[in-house]
């Protein structure tokens, strides 16, 4: 189990960094999109924009 903890910590560090960027760049925590699948569509667009911007 000694090798598992560092892997889990790295995973959560990456997860937390991603969500921090999404919140700061797109104010994601303040978004209140509730109509049908609007929230999922906007999340997909935000992730696309973030990944596209990092690739350049």
C-alpha atoms as a PDB file:
ATOM      1  CA  UNK A   1       0.000   0.000   0.000  1.00  0.00           C
ATOM      2  CA  UNK A   2       3.012   2.311   0.341  1.00  0.00           C
ATOM      3  CA  UNK A   3       3.128   2.912  -3.408  1.00  0.00           C
ATOM      4  CA  UNK A   4      -0.595   3.596  -3.644  1.00  0.00           C
ATOM      5  CA  UNK A   5      -0.708   6.745  -1.517  1.00  0.00           C
ATOM      6  CA  UNK A   6       1.650   8.831  -3.675  1.00  0.00           C
ATOM      7  CA  UNK A   7      -0.339   7.851  -6.777  1.00  0.00           C
ATOM      8  CA  UNK A   8      -3.595   8.910  -5.134  1.00  0.00           C
ATOM      9  CA  UNK A   9      -2.059  12.191  -3.957  1.00  0.00           C
ATOM     10  CA  UNK A  10      -0.762  12.964  -7.468  1.00  0.00           C
ATOM     11  CA  UNK A  11      -4.177  12.225  -8.930  1.00  0.00           C
ATOM     12  CA  UNK A  12      -5.911  14.594  -6.528  1.00  0.00           C
ATOM     13  CA  UNK A  13      -3.275  17.286  -7.046  1.00  0.00           C
ATOM     14  CA  UNK A  14      -4.017  17.184 -10.779  1.00  0.00           C
ATOM     15  CA  UNK A  15      -7.785  17.141 -10.161  1.00  0.00           C
ATOM     16  CA  UNK A  16      -7.615  20.088  -7.775  1.00  0.00           C
ATOM     17  CA  UNK A  17      -5.411  22.099 -10.143  1.00  0.00           C
ATOM     18  CA  UNK A  18      -7.845  21.510 -13.018  1.00  0.00           C
ATOM     19  CA  UNK A  19     -10.861  22.591 -11.007  1.00  0.00           C
ATOM     20  CA  UNK A  20      -9.054  25.657  -9.693  1.00  0.00           C
ATOM     21  CA  UNK A  21      -8.204  26.756 -13.244  1.00  0.00           C
ATOM     22  CA  UNK A  22     -11.779  26.144 -14.427  1.00  0.00           C
ATOM     23  CA  UNK A  23     -13.168  28.176 -11.558  1.00  0.00           C
ATOM     24  CA  UNK A  24     -10.740  31.059 -11.956  1.00  0.00           C
ATOM     25  CA  UNK A  25     -10.847  31.243 -15.765  1.00  0.00           C
ATOM     26  CA  UNK A  26     -14.532  30.487 -16.317  1.00  0.00           C
ATOM     27  CA  UNK A  27     -16.057  31.258 -12.883  1.00  0.00           C
ATOM     28  CA  UNK A  28     -17.438  27.724 -13.009  1.00  0.00           C
ATOM     29  CA  UNK A  29     -18.513  27.633  -9.350  1.00  0.00           C
ATOM     30  CA  UNK A  30     -20.804  30.612  -9.956  1.00  0.00           C
ATOM     31  CA  UNK A  31     -22.462  29.094 -13.041  1.00  0.00           C
ATOM     32  CA  UNK A  32     -26.140  28.267 -12.562  1.00  0.00           C
ATOM     33  CA  UNK A  33     -27.100  26.507 -15.782  1.00  0.00           C
ATOM     34  CA  UNK A  34     -29.929  24.114 -15.039  1.00  0.00           C
ATOM     35  CA  UNK A  35     -31.891  23.719 -18.295  1.00  0.00           C
ATOM     36  CA  UNK A  36     -31.740  20.148 -19.622  1.00  0.00           C
ATOM     37  CA  UNK A  37     -28.139  19.360 -20.590  1.00  0.00           C
ATOM     38  CA  UNK A  38     -26.829  22.940 -20.658  1.00  0.00           C
ATOM     39  CA  UNK A  39     -24.452  22.395 -17.724  1.00  0.00           C
ATOM     40  CA  UNK A  40     -22.864  19.342 -19.364  1.00  0.00           C
ATOM     41  CA  UNK A  41     -22.528  21.132 -22.713  1.00  0.00           C
ATOM     42  CA  UNK A  42     -20.847  24.154 -21.118  1.00  0.00           C
ATOM     43  CA  UNK A  43     -18.507  21.913 -19.136  1.00  0.00           C
ATOM     44  CA  UNK A  44     -17.483  20.180 -22.355  1.00  0.00           C
ATOM     45  CA  UNK A  45     -16.828  23.546 -24.028  1.00  0.00           C
ATOM     46  CA  UNK A  46     -14.805  24.815 -21.057  1.00  0.00           C
ATOM     47  CA  UNK A  47     -12.646  21.685 -21.005  1.00  0.00           C
ATOM     48  CA  UNK A  48     -12.143  21.964 -24.775  1.00  0.00           C
ATOM     49  CA  UNK A  49     -11.127  25.618 -24.452  1.00  0.00           C
ATOM     50  CA  UNK A  50      -8.773  24.861 -21.577  1.00  0.00           C
ATOM     51  CA  UNK A  51      -7.126  21.937 -23.389  1.00  0.00           C
ATOM     52  CA  UNK A  52      -6.886  23.905 -26.636  1.00  0.00           C
ATOM     53  CA  UNK A  53      -5.246  26.831 -24.844  1.00  0.00           C
ATOM     54  CA  UNK A  54      -2.728  24.608 -23.058  1.00  0.00           C
ATOM     55  CA  UNK A  55      -1.729  22.892 -26.286  1.00  0.00           C
ATOM     56  CA  UNK A  56      -0.434  26.124 -27.827  1.00  0.00           C
END
